[in-house]
Amino acid sequence: VDEEQYETLLSRYIENVVAQVKREKLYNKITGNYEQPNENLMR
């Protein structure tokens, strides 16, 4: 497994957790919209 994949997964998890705790939305670069934290990813 590419080492960067581990770090990418962990970074995405932490990013979603921070947004969820602060009750903020995350910017989706693909859609260009602000979205709710990904609960499935965090779980």
ModelCIF file with pLDDT and N, C-alpha, C, O atoms, coordinates in Angstrom:
data_MODEL
#
_entry.id   MODEL 
#
_entity.id                         1 
_entity.type                       polymer 
_entity.pdbx_number_of_molecules   1 
#
_entity_poly.entity_id                      1 
_entity_poly.type                           'polypeptide(L)' 
_entity_poly.nstd_linkage                   no 
_entity_poly.nstd_monomer                   no 
_entity_poly.pdbx_seq_one_letter_code       VDEEQYETLLSRYIENVVAQVKREKLYNKITGNYEQPNENLMR 
_entity_poly.pdbx_seq_one_letter_code_can   VDEEQYETLLSRYIENVVAQVKREKLYNKITGNYEQPNENLMR 
_entity_poly.pdbx_strand_id                 A 
#
loop_
_entity_poly_seq.entity_id 
_entity_poly_seq.num 
_entity_poly_seq.mon_id 
_entity_poly_seq.hetero 
1 1  VAL n 
1 2  ASP n 
1 3  GLU n 
1 4  GLU n 
1 5  GLN n 
1 6  TYR n 
1 7  GLU n 
1 8  THR n 
1 9  LEU n 
1 10 LEU n 
1 11 SER n 
1 12 ARG n 
1 13 TYR n 
1 14 ILE n 
1 15 GLU n 
1 16 ASN n 
1 17 VAL n 
1 18 VAL n 
1 19 ALA n 
1 20 GLN n 
1 21 VAL n 
1 22 LYS n 
1 23 ARG n 
1 24 GLU n 
1 25 LYS n 
1 26 LEU n 
1 27 TYR n 
1 28 ASN n 
1 29 LYS n 
1 30 ILE n 
1 31 THR n 
1 32 GLY n 
1 33 ASN n 
1 34 TYR n 
1 35 GLU n 
1 36 GLN n 
1 37 PRO n 
1 38 ASN n 
1 39 GLU n 
1 40 ASN n 
1 41 LEU n 
1 42 MET n 
1 43 ARG n 
#
_struct_asym.id          A 
_struct_asym.entity_id   1 
#
loop_
_ma_qa_metric.id 
_ma_qa_metric.mode 
_ma_qa_metric.name 
_ma_qa_metric.software_group_id 
_ma_qa_metric.type 
1 global pLDDT . pLDDT 
2 local  pLDDT . pLDDT 
#
_ma_qa_metric_global.metric_id      1 
_ma_qa_metric_global.metric_value   81.81 
_ma_qa_metric_global.model_id       1 
_ma_qa_metric_global.ordinal_id     1 
#
loop_
_ma_qa_metric_local.label_asym_id 
_ma_qa_metric_local.label_comp_id 
_ma_qa_metric_local.label_seq_id 
_ma_qa_metric_local.metric_id 
_ma_qa_metric_local.metric_value 
_ma_qa_metric_local.model_id 
_ma_qa_metric_local.ordinal_id 
A VAL 1  2 59.00 1 1  
A ASP 2  2 59.00 1 2  
A GLU 3  2 59.00 1 3  
A GLU 4  2 66.00 1 4  
A GLN 5  2 74.00 1 5  
A TYR 6  2 73.00 1 6  
A GLU 7  2 77.00 1 7  
A THR 8  2 80.00 1 8  
A LEU 9  2 80.00 1 9  
A LEU 10 2 83.00 1 10 
A SER 11 2 84.00 1 11 
A ARG 12 2 86.00 1 12 
A TYR 13 2 87.00 1 13 
A ILE 14 2 87.00 1 14 
A GLU 15 2 87.00 1 15 
A ASN 16 2 89.00 1 16 
A VAL 17 2 88.00 1 17 
A VAL 18 2 88.00 1 18 
A ALA 19 2 87.00 1 19 
A GLN 20 2 88.00 1 20 
A VAL 21 2 87.00 1 21 
A LYS 22 2 87.00 1 22 
A ARG 23 2 87.00 1 23 
A GLU 24 2 88.00 1 24 
A LYS 25 2 87.00 1 25 
A LEU 26 2 85.00 1 26 
A TYR 27 2 82.00 1 27 
A ASN 28 2 79.00 1 28 
A LYS 29 2 77.00 1 29 
A ILE 30 2 73.00 1 30 
A THR 31 2 76.00 1 31 
A GLY 32 2 78.00 1 32 
A ASN 33 2 83.00 1 33 
A TYR 34 2 86.00 1 34 
A GLU 35 2 85.00 1 35 
A GLN 36 2 88.00 1 36 
A PRO 37 2 88.00 1 37 
A ASN 38 2 87.00 1 38 
A GLU 39 2 88.00 1 39 
A ASN 40 2 85.00 1 40 
A LEU 41 2 85.00 1 41 
A MET 42 2 88.00 1 42 
A ARG 43 2 88.00 1 43 
#
loop_
_atom_site.group_PDB 
_atom_site.id 
_atom_site.type_symbol 
_atom_site.label_atom_id 
_atom_site.label_alt_id 
_atom_site.label_comp_id 
_atom_site.label_asym_id 
_atom_site.label_entity_id 
_atom_site.label_seq_id 
_atom_site.pdbx_PDB_ins_code 
_atom_site.Cartn_x 
_atom_site.Cartn_y 
_atom_site.Cartn_z 
_atom_site.occupancy 
_atom_site.B_iso_or_equiv 
_atom_site.pdbx_formal_charge 
_atom_site.auth_seq_id 
_atom_site.auth_comp_id 
_atom_site.auth_asym_id 
_atom_site.auth_atom_id 
_atom_site.pdbx_PDB_model_num 
ATOM 1   N N  . VAL A 1 1  ? 0.862   -1.178 0.000  1.00 59.00 ? 1  VAL A N  1 
ATOM 2   C CA . VAL A 1 1  ? 0.000   0.000  0.000  1.00 59.00 ? 1  VAL A CA 1 
ATOM 3   C C  . VAL A 1 1  ? 0.898   1.226  0.000  1.00 59.00 ? 1  VAL A C  1 
ATOM 4   O O  . VAL A 1 1  ? 1.883   1.279  0.735  1.00 59.00 ? 1  VAL A O  1 
ATOM 5   N N  . ASP A 1 2  ? 0.561   2.204  -0.816 1.00 59.00 ? 2  ASP A N  1 
ATOM 6   C CA . ASP A 1 2  ? 1.334   3.435  -0.854 1.00 59.00 ? 2  ASP A CA 1 
ATOM 7   C C  . ASP A 1 2  ? 1.267   4.110  0.511  1.00 59.00 ? 2  ASP A C  1 
ATOM 8   O O  . ASP A 1 2  ? 0.183   4.297  1.062  1.00 59.00 ? 2  ASP A O  1 
ATOM 9   N N  . GLU A 1 3  ? 2.429   4.476  1.057  1.00 59.00 ? 3  GLU A N  1 
ATOM 10  C CA . GLU A 1 3  ? 2.492   5.107  2.379  1.00 59.00 ? 3  GLU A CA 1 
ATOM 11  C C  . GLU A 1 3  ? 1.611   6.359  2.441  1.00 59.00 ? 3  GLU A C  1 
ATOM 12  O O  . GLU A 1 3  ? 1.030   6.666  3.482  1.00 59.00 ? 3  GLU A O  1 
ATOM 13  N N  . GLU A 1 4  ? 1.518   7.069  1.329  1.00 66.00 ? 4  GLU A N  1 
ATOM 14  C CA . GLU A 1 4  ? 0.738   8.306  1.330  1.00 66.00 ? 4  GLU A CA 1 
ATOM 15  C C  . GLU A 1 4  ? -0.751  8.026  1.542  1.00 66.00 ? 4  GLU A C  1 
ATOM 16  O O  . GLU A 1 4  ? -1.490  8.886  2.023  1.00 66.00 ? 4  GLU A O  1 
ATOM 17  N N  . GLN A 1 5  ? -1.181  6.822  1.181  1.00 74.00 ? 5  GLN A N  1 
ATOM 18  C CA . GLN A 1 5  ? -2.588  6.494  1.362  1.00 74.00 ? 5  GLN A CA 1 
ATOM 19  C C  . GLN A 1 5  ? -2.958  6.450  2.842  1.00 74.00 ? 5  GLN A C  1 
ATOM 20  O O  . GLN A 1 5  ? -4.044  6.876  3.233  1.00 74.00 ? 5  GLN A O  1 
ATOM 21  N N  . TYR A 1 6  ? -2.033  5.924  3.666  1.00 73.00 ? 6  TYR A N  1 
ATOM 22  C CA . TYR A 1 6  ? -2.289  5.899  5.105  1.00 73.00 ? 6  TYR A CA 1 
ATOM 23  C C  . TYR A 1 6  ? -2.471  7.320  5.634  1.00 73.00 ? 6  TYR A C  1 
ATOM 24  O O  . TYR A 1 6  ? -3.424  7.621  6.353  1.00 73.00 ? 6  TYR A O  1 
ATOM 25  N N  . GLU A 1 7  ? -1.525  8.185  5.257  1.00 77.00 ? 7  GLU A N  1 
ATOM 26  C CA . GLU A 1 7  ? -1.552  9.556  5.767  1.00 77.00 ? 7  GLU A CA 1 
ATOM 27  C C  . GLU A 1 7  ? -2.759  10.317 5.235  1.00 77.00 ? 7  GLU A C  1 
ATOM 28  O O  . GLU A 1 7  ? -3.353  11.127 5.947  1.00 77.00 ? 7  GLU A O  1 
ATOM 29  N N  . THR A 1 8  ? -3.124  10.052 3.966  1.00 80.00 ? 8  THR A N  1 
ATOM 30  C CA . THR A 1 8  ? -4.298  10.718 3.388  1.00 80.00 ? 8  THR A CA 1 
ATOM 31  C C  . THR A 1 8  ? -5.566  10.322 4.135  1.00 80.00 ? 8  THR A C  1 
ATOM 32  O O  . THR A 1 8  ? -6.408  11.166 4.441  1.00 80.00 ? 8  THR A O  1 
ATOM 33  N N  . LEU A 1 9  ? -5.692  9.021  4.426  1.00 80.00 ? 9  LEU A N  1 
ATOM 34  C CA . LEU A 1 9  ? -6.872  8.544  5.145  1.00 80.00 ? 9  LEU A CA 1 
ATOM 35  C C  . LEU A 1 9  ? -6.947  9.158  6.538  1.00 80.00 ? 9  LEU A C  1 
ATOM 36  O O  . LEU A 1 9  ? -8.012  9.604  6.965  1.00 80.00 ? 9  LEU A O  1 
ATOM 37  N N  . LEU A 1 10 ? -5.811  9.184  7.255  1.00 83.00 ? 10 LEU A N  1 
ATOM 38  C CA . LEU A 1 10 ? -5.802  9.745  8.602  1.00 83.00 ? 10 LEU A CA 1 
ATOM 39  C C  . LEU A 1 10 ? -6.097  11.246 8.556  1.00 83.00 ? 10 LEU A C  1 
ATOM 40  O O  . LEU A 1 10 ? -6.845  11.755 9.390  1.00 83.00 ? 10 LEU A O  1 
ATOM 41  N N  . SER A 1 11 ? -5.516  11.952 7.590  1.00 84.00 ? 11 SER A N  1 
ATOM 42  C CA . SER A 1 11 ? -5.734  13.399 7.479  1.00 84.00 ? 11 SER A CA 1 
ATOM 43  C C  . SER A 1 11 ? -7.201  13.711 7.199  1.00 84.00 ? 11 SER A C  1 
ATOM 44  O O  . SER A 1 11 ? -7.767  14.643 7.771  1.00 84.00 ? 11 SER A O  1 
ATOM 45  N N  . ARG A 1 12 ? -7.805  12.929 6.318  1.00 86.00 ? 12 ARG A N  1 
ATOM 46  C CA . ARG A 1 12 ? -9.227  13.147 6.020  1.00 86.00 ? 12 ARG A CA 1 
ATOM 47  C C  . ARG A 1 12 ? -10.082 12.889 7.259  1.00 86.00 ? 12 ARG A C  1 
ATOM 48  O O  . ARG A 1 12 ? -11.051 13.600 7.522  1.00 86.00 ? 12 ARG A O  1 
ATOM 49  N N  . TYR A 1 13 ? -9.705  11.860 8.011  1.00 87.00 ? 13 TYR A N  1 
ATOM 50  C CA . TYR A 1 13 ? -10.460 11.547 9.227  1.00 87.00 ? 13 TYR A CA 1 
ATOM 51  C C  . TYR A 1 13 ? -10.373 12.704 10.221 1.00 87.00 ? 13 TYR A C  1 
ATOM 52  O O  . TYR A 1 13 ? -11.397 13.160 10.730 1.00 87.00 ? 13 TYR A O  1 
ATOM 53  N N  . ILE A 1 14 ? -9.176  13.175 10.497 1.00 87.00 ? 14 ILE A N  1 
ATOM 54  C CA . ILE A 1 14 ? -8.986  14.272 11.462 1.00 87.00 ? 14 ILE A CA 1 
ATOM 55  C C  . ILE A 1 14 ? -9.701  15.530 10.988 1.00 87.00 ? 14 ILE A C  1 
ATOM 56  O O  . ILE A 1 14 ? -10.314 16.241 11.785 1.00 87.00 ? 14 ILE A O  1 
ATOM 57  N N  . GLU A 1 15 ? -9.621  15.804 9.686  1.00 87.00 ? 15 GLU A N  1 
ATOM 58  C CA . GLU A 1 15 ? -10.275 16.984 9.124  1.00 87.00 ? 15 GLU A CA 1 
ATOM 59  C C  . GLU A 1 15 ? -11.786 16.926 9.356  1.00 87.00 ? 15 GLU A C  1 
ATOM 60  O O  . GLU A 1 15 ? -12.400 17.923 9.733  1.00 87.00 ? 15 GLU A O  1 
ATOM 61  N N  . ASN A 1 16 ? -12.375 15.761 9.129  1.00 89.00 ? 16 ASN A N  1 
ATOM 62  C CA . ASN A 1 16 ? -13.813 15.603 9.334  1.00 89.00 ? 16 ASN A CA 1 
ATOM 63  C C  . ASN A 1 16 ? -14.182 15.690 10.816 1.00 89.00 ? 16 ASN A C  1 
ATOM 64  O O  . ASN A 1 16 ? -15.214 16.261 11.169 1.00 89.00 ? 16 ASN A O  1 
ATOM 65  N N  . VAL A 1 17 ? -13.341 15.125 11.675 1.00 88.00 ? 17 VAL A N  1 
ATOM 66  C CA . VAL A 1 17 ? -13.610 15.171 13.113 1.00 88.00 ? 17 VAL A CA 1 
ATOM 67  C C  . VAL A 1 17 ? -13.604 16.618 13.609 1.00 88.00 ? 17 VAL A C  1 
ATOM 68  O O  . VAL A 1 17 ? -14.506 17.029 14.339 1.00 88.00 ? 17 VAL A O  1 
ATOM 69  N N  . VAL A 1 18 ? -12.591 17.388 13.214 1.00 88.00 ? 18 VAL A N  1 
ATOM 70  C CA . VAL A 1 18 ? -12.487 18.788 13.643 1.00 88.00 ? 18 VAL A CA 1 
ATOM 71  C C  . VAL A 1 18 ? -13.730 19.567 13.210 1.00 88.00 ? 18 VAL A C  1 
ATOM 72  O O  . VAL A 1 18 ? -14.287 20.347 13.982 1.00 88.00 ? 18 VAL A O  1 
ATOM 73  N N  . ALA A 1 19 ? -14.154 19.345 11.968 1.00 87.00 ? 19 ALA A N  1 
ATOM 74  C CA . ALA A 1 19 ? -15.342 20.052 11.477 1.00 87.00 ? 19 ALA A CA 1 
ATOM 75  C C  . ALA A 1 19 ? -16.591 19.638 12.243 1.00 87.00 ? 19 ALA A C  1 
ATOM 76  O O  . ALA A 1 19 ? -17.442 20.469 12.560 1.00 87.00 ? 19 ALA A O  1 
ATOM 77  N N  . GLN A 1 20 ? -16.692 18.339 12.538 1.00 88.00 ? 20 GLN A N  1 
ATOM 78  C CA . GLN A 1 20 ? -17.868 17.846 13.254 1.00 88.00 ? 20 GLN A CA 1 
ATOM 79  C C  . GLN A 1 20 ? -17.940 18.404 14.664 1.00 88.00 ? 20 GLN A C  1 
ATOM 80  O O  . GLN A 1 20 ? -19.015 18.800 15.116 1.00 88.00 ? 20 GLN A O  1 
ATOM 81  N N  . VAL A 1 21 ? -16.810 18.441 15.370 1.00 87.00 ? 21 VAL A N  1 
ATOM 82  C CA . VAL A 1 21 ? -16.781 18.954 16.743 1.00 87.00 ? 21 VAL A CA 1 
ATOM 83  C C  . VAL A 1 21 ? -17.082 20.450 16.761 1.00 87.00 ? 21 VAL A C  1 
ATOM 84  O O  . VAL A 1 21 ? -17.778 20.937 17.652 1.00 87.00 ? 21 VAL A O  1 
ATOM 85  N N  . LYS A 1 22 ? -16.562 21.167 15.788 1.00 87.00 ? 22 LYS A N  1 
ATOM 86  C CA . LYS A 1 22 ? -16.786 22.618 15.724 1.00 87.00 ? 22 LYS A CA 1 
ATOM 87  C C  . LYS A 1 22 ? -18.127 22.979 15.068 1.00 87.00 ? 22 LYS A C  1 
ATOM 88  O O  . LYS A 1 22 ? -18.499 24.150 14.981 1.00 87.00 ? 22 LYS A O  1 
ATOM 89  N N  . ARG A 1 23 ? -18.843 21.941 14.610 1.00 87.00 ? 23 ARG A N  1 
ATOM 90  C CA . ARG A 1 23 ? -20.128 22.143 13.920 1.00 87.00 ? 23 ARG A CA 1 
ATOM 91  C C  . ARG A 1 23 ? -19.949 23.024 12.689 1.00 87.00 ? 23 ARG A C  1 
ATOM 92  O O  . ARG A 1 23 ? -20.705 23.970 12.461 1.00 87.00 ? 23 ARG A O  1 
ATOM 93  N N  . GLU A 1 24 ? -18.939 22.692 11.911 1.00 88.00 ? 24 GLU A N  1 
ATOM 94  C CA . GLU A 1 24 ? -18.650 23.417 10.680 1.00 88.00 ? 24 GLU A CA 1 
ATOM 95  C C  . GLU A 1 24 ? -18.841 22.490 9.477  1.00 88.00 ? 24 GLU A C  1 
ATOM 96  O O  . GLU A 1 24 ? -18.937 21.272 9.627  1.00 88.00 ? 24 GLU A O  1 
ATOM 97  N N  . LYS A 1 25 ? -18.894 23.089 8.281  1.00 87.00 ? 25 LYS A N  1 
ATOM 98  C CA . LYS A 1 25 ? -18.967 22.311 7.050  1.00 87.00 ? 25 LYS A CA 1 
ATOM 99  C C  . LYS A 1 25 ? -17.601 22.286 6.378  1.00 87.00 ? 25 LYS A C  1 
ATOM 100 O O  . LYS A 1 25 ? -16.746 23.132 6.638  1.00 87.00 ? 25 LYS A O  1 
ATOM 101 N N  . LEU A 1 26 ? -17.414 21.285 5.500  1.00 85.00 ? 26 LEU A N  1 
ATOM 102 C CA . LEU A 1 26 ? -16.159 21.133 4.770  1.00 85.00 ? 26 LEU A CA 1 
ATOM 103 C C  . LEU A 1 26 ? -16.361 21.492 3.309  1.00 85.00 ? 26 LEU A C  1 
ATOM 104 O O  . LEU A 1 26 ? -17.401 21.211 2.714  1.00 85.00 ? 26 LEU A O  1 
ATOM 105 N N  . TYR A 1 27 ? -15.335 22.122 2.748  1.00 82.00 ? 27 TYR A N  1 
ATOM 106 C CA . TYR A 1 27 ? -15.411 22.502 1.333  1.00 82.00 ? 27 TYR A CA 1 
ATOM 107 C C  . TYR A 1 27 ? -15.017 21.313 0.463  1.00 82.00 ? 27 TYR A C  1 
ATOM 108 O O  . TYR A 1 27 ? -13.939 20.746 0.639  1.00 82.00 ? 27 TYR A O  1 
ATOM 109 N N  . ASN A 1 28 ? -15.881 20.935 -0.470 1.00 79.00 ? 28 ASN A N  1 
ATOM 110 C CA . ASN A 1 28 ? -15.626 19.840 -1.404 1.00 79.00 ? 28 ASN A CA 1 
ATOM 111 C C  . ASN A 1 28 ? -15.040 20.431 -2.687 1.00 79.00 ? 28 ASN A C  1 
ATOM 112 O O  . ASN A 1 28 ? -15.721 21.156 -3.412 1.00 79.00 ? 28 ASN A O  1 
ATOM 113 N N  . LYS A 1 29 ? -13.768 20.114 -2.960 1.00 77.00 ? 29 LYS A N  1 
ATOM 114 C CA . LYS A 1 29 ? -13.081 20.698 -4.116 1.00 77.00 ? 29 LYS A CA 1 
ATOM 115 C C  . LYS A 1 29 ? -13.694 20.230 -5.435 1.00 77.00 ? 29 LYS A C  1 
ATOM 116 O O  . LYS A 1 29 ? -13.622 20.930 -6.445 1.00 77.00 ? 29 LYS A O  1 
ATOM 117 N N  . ILE A 1 30 ? -14.299 19.034 -5.415 1.00 73.00 ? 30 ILE A N  1 
ATOM 118 C CA . ILE A 1 30 ? -14.860 18.486 -6.661 1.00 73.00 ? 30 ILE A CA 1 
ATOM 119 C C  . ILE A 1 30 ? -16.171 19.178 -7.014 1.00 73.00 ? 30 ILE A C  1 
ATOM 120 O O  . ILE A 1 30 ? -16.366 19.627 -8.143 1.00 73.00 ? 30 ILE A O  1 
ATOM 121 N N  . THR A 1 31 ? -17.076 19.260 -6.020 1.00 76.00 ? 31 THR A N  1 
ATOM 122 C CA . THR A 1 31 ? -18.394 19.863 -6.278 1.00 76.00 ? 31 THR A CA 1 
ATOM 123 C C  . THR A 1 31 ? -18.394 21.373 -6.112 1.00 76.00 ? 31 THR A C  1 
ATOM 124 O O  . THR A 1 31 ? -19.272 22.064 -6.628 1.00 76.00 ? 31 THR A O  1 
ATOM 125 N N  . GLY A 1 32 ? -17.395 21.883 -5.383 1.00 78.00 ? 32 GLY A N  1 
ATOM 126 C CA . GLY A 1 32 ? -17.360 23.317 -5.126 1.00 78.00 ? 32 GLY A CA 1 
ATOM 127 C C  . GLY A 1 32 ? -18.355 23.756 -4.078 1.00 78.00 ? 32 GLY A C  1 
ATOM 128 O O  . GLY A 1 32 ? -18.624 24.950 -3.943 1.00 78.00 ? 32 GLY A O  1 
ATOM 129 N N  . ASN A 1 33 ? -18.914 22.805 -3.323 1.00 83.00 ? 33 ASN A N  1 
ATOM 130 C CA . ASN A 1 33 ? -19.915 23.126 -2.298 1.00 83.00 ? 33 ASN A CA 1 
ATOM 131 C C  . ASN A 1 33 ? -19.385 22.826 -0.903 1.00 83.00 ? 33 ASN A C  1 
ATOM 132 O O  . ASN A 1 33 ? -18.439 22.054 -0.745 1.00 83.00 ? 33 ASN A O  1 
ATOM 133 N N  . TYR A 1 34 ? -19.998 23.441 0.112  1.00 86.00 ? 34 TYR A N  1 
ATOM 134 C CA . TYR A 1 34 ? -19.692 23.139 1.506  1.00 86.00 ? 34 TYR A CA 1 
ATOM 135 C C  . TYR A 1 34 ? -20.644 22.042 1.960  1.00 86.00 ? 34 TYR A C  1 
ATOM 136 O O  . TYR A 1 34 ? -21.857 22.157 1.789  1.00 86.00 ? 34 TYR A O  1 
ATOM 137 N N  . GLU A 1 35 ? -20.093 20.973 2.541  1.00 85.00 ? 35 GLU A N  1 
ATOM 138 C CA . GLU A 1 35 ? -20.884 19.798 2.894  1.00 85.00 ? 35 GLU A CA 1 
ATOM 139 C C  . GLU A 1 35 ? -20.672 19.424 4.353  1.00 85.00 ? 35 GLU A C  1 
ATOM 140 O O  . GLU A 1 35 ? -19.694 19.841 4.974  1.00 85.00 ? 35 GLU A O  1 
ATOM 141 N N  . GLN A 1 36 ? -21.586 18.640 4.893  1.00 88.00 ? 36 GLN A N  1 
ATOM 142 C CA . GLN A 1 36 ? -21.479 18.139 6.257  1.00 88.00 ? 36 GLN A CA 1 
ATOM 143 C C  . GLN A 1 36 ? -20.326 17.126 6.352  1.00 88.00 ? 36 GLN A C  1 
ATOM 144 O O  . GLN A 1 36 ? -20.031 16.445 5.370  1.00 88.00 ? 36 GLN A O  1 
ATOM 145 N N  . PRO A 1 37 ? -19.671 17.018 7.519  1.00 88.00 ? 37 PRO A N  1 
ATOM 146 C CA . PRO A 1 37 ? -18.620 16.011 7.689  1.00 88.00 ? 37 PRO A CA 1 
ATOM 147 C C  . PRO A 1 37 ? -19.134 14.620 7.337  1.00 88.00 ? 37 PRO A C  1 
ATOM 148 O O  . PRO A 1 37 ? -20.305 14.303 7.544  1.00 88.00 ? 37 PRO A O  1 
ATOM 149 N N  . ASN A 1 38 ? -18.239 13.801 6.803  1.00 87.00 ? 38 ASN A N  1 
ATOM 150 C CA . ASN A 1 38 ? -18.587 12.456 6.337  1.00 87.00 ? 38 ASN A CA 1 
ATOM 151 C C  . ASN A 1 38 ? -18.619 11.492 7.522  1.00 87.00 ? 38 ASN A C  1 
ATOM 152 O O  . ASN A 1 38 ? -17.576 11.018 7.972  1.00 87.00 ? 38 ASN A O  1 
ATOM 153 N N  . GLU A 1 39 ? -19.806 11.209 8.016  1.00 88.00 ? 39 GLU A N  1 
ATOM 154 C CA . GLU A 1 39 ? -19.952 10.353 9.182  1.00 88.00 ? 39 GLU A CA 1 
ATOM 155 C C  . GLU A 1 39 ? -19.525 8.923  8.881  1.00 88.00 ? 39 GLU A C  1 
ATOM 156 O O  . GLU A 1 39 ? -18.945 8.250  9.733  1.00 88.00 ? 39 GLU A O  1 
ATOM 157 N N  . ASN A 1 40 ? -19.813 8.459  7.664  1.00 85.00 ? 40 ASN A N  1 
ATOM 158 C CA . ASN A 1 40 ? -19.427 7.086  7.303  1.00 85.00 ? 40 ASN A CA 1 
ATOM 159 C C  . ASN A 1 40 ? -17.911 6.907  7.330  1.00 85.00 ? 40 ASN A C  1 
ATOM 160 O O  . ASN A 1 40 ? -17.409 5.893  7.816  1.00 85.00 ? 40 ASN A O  1 
ATOM 161 N N  . LEU A 1 41 ? -17.176 7.902  6.802  1.00 85.00 ? 41 LEU A N  1 
ATOM 162 C CA . LEU A 1 41 ? -15.710 7.850  6.821  1.00 85.00 ? 41 LEU A CA 1 
ATOM 163 C C  . LEU A 1 41 ? -15.195 7.794  8.252  1.00 85.00 ? 41 LEU A C  1 
ATOM 164 O O  . LEU A 1 41 ? -14.325 6.988  8.584  1.00 85.00 ? 41 LEU A O  1 
ATOM 165 N N  . MET A 1 42 ? -15.747 8.662  9.094  1.00 88.00 ? 42 MET A N  1 
ATOM 166 C CA . MET A 1 42 ? -15.286 8.709  10.487 1.00 88.00 ? 42 MET A CA 1 
ATOM 167 C C  . MET A 1 42 ? -15.558 7.381  11.191 1.00 88.00 ? 42 MET A C  1 
ATOM 168 O O  . MET A 1 42 ? -14.712 6.883  11.934 1.00 88.00 ? 42 MET A O  1 
ATOM 169 N N  . ARG A 1 43 ? -16.742 6.809  10.955 1.00 88.00 ? 43 ARG A N  1 
ATOM 170 C CA . ARG A 1 43 ? -17.081 5.542  11.601 1.00 88.00 ? 43 ARG A CA 1 
ATOM 171 C C  . ARG A 1 43 ? -16.163 4.416  11.120 1.00 88.00 ? 43 ARG A C  1 
ATOM 172 O O  . ARG A 1 43 ? -16.303 3.275  11.559 1.00 88.00 ? 43 ARG A O  1 
#
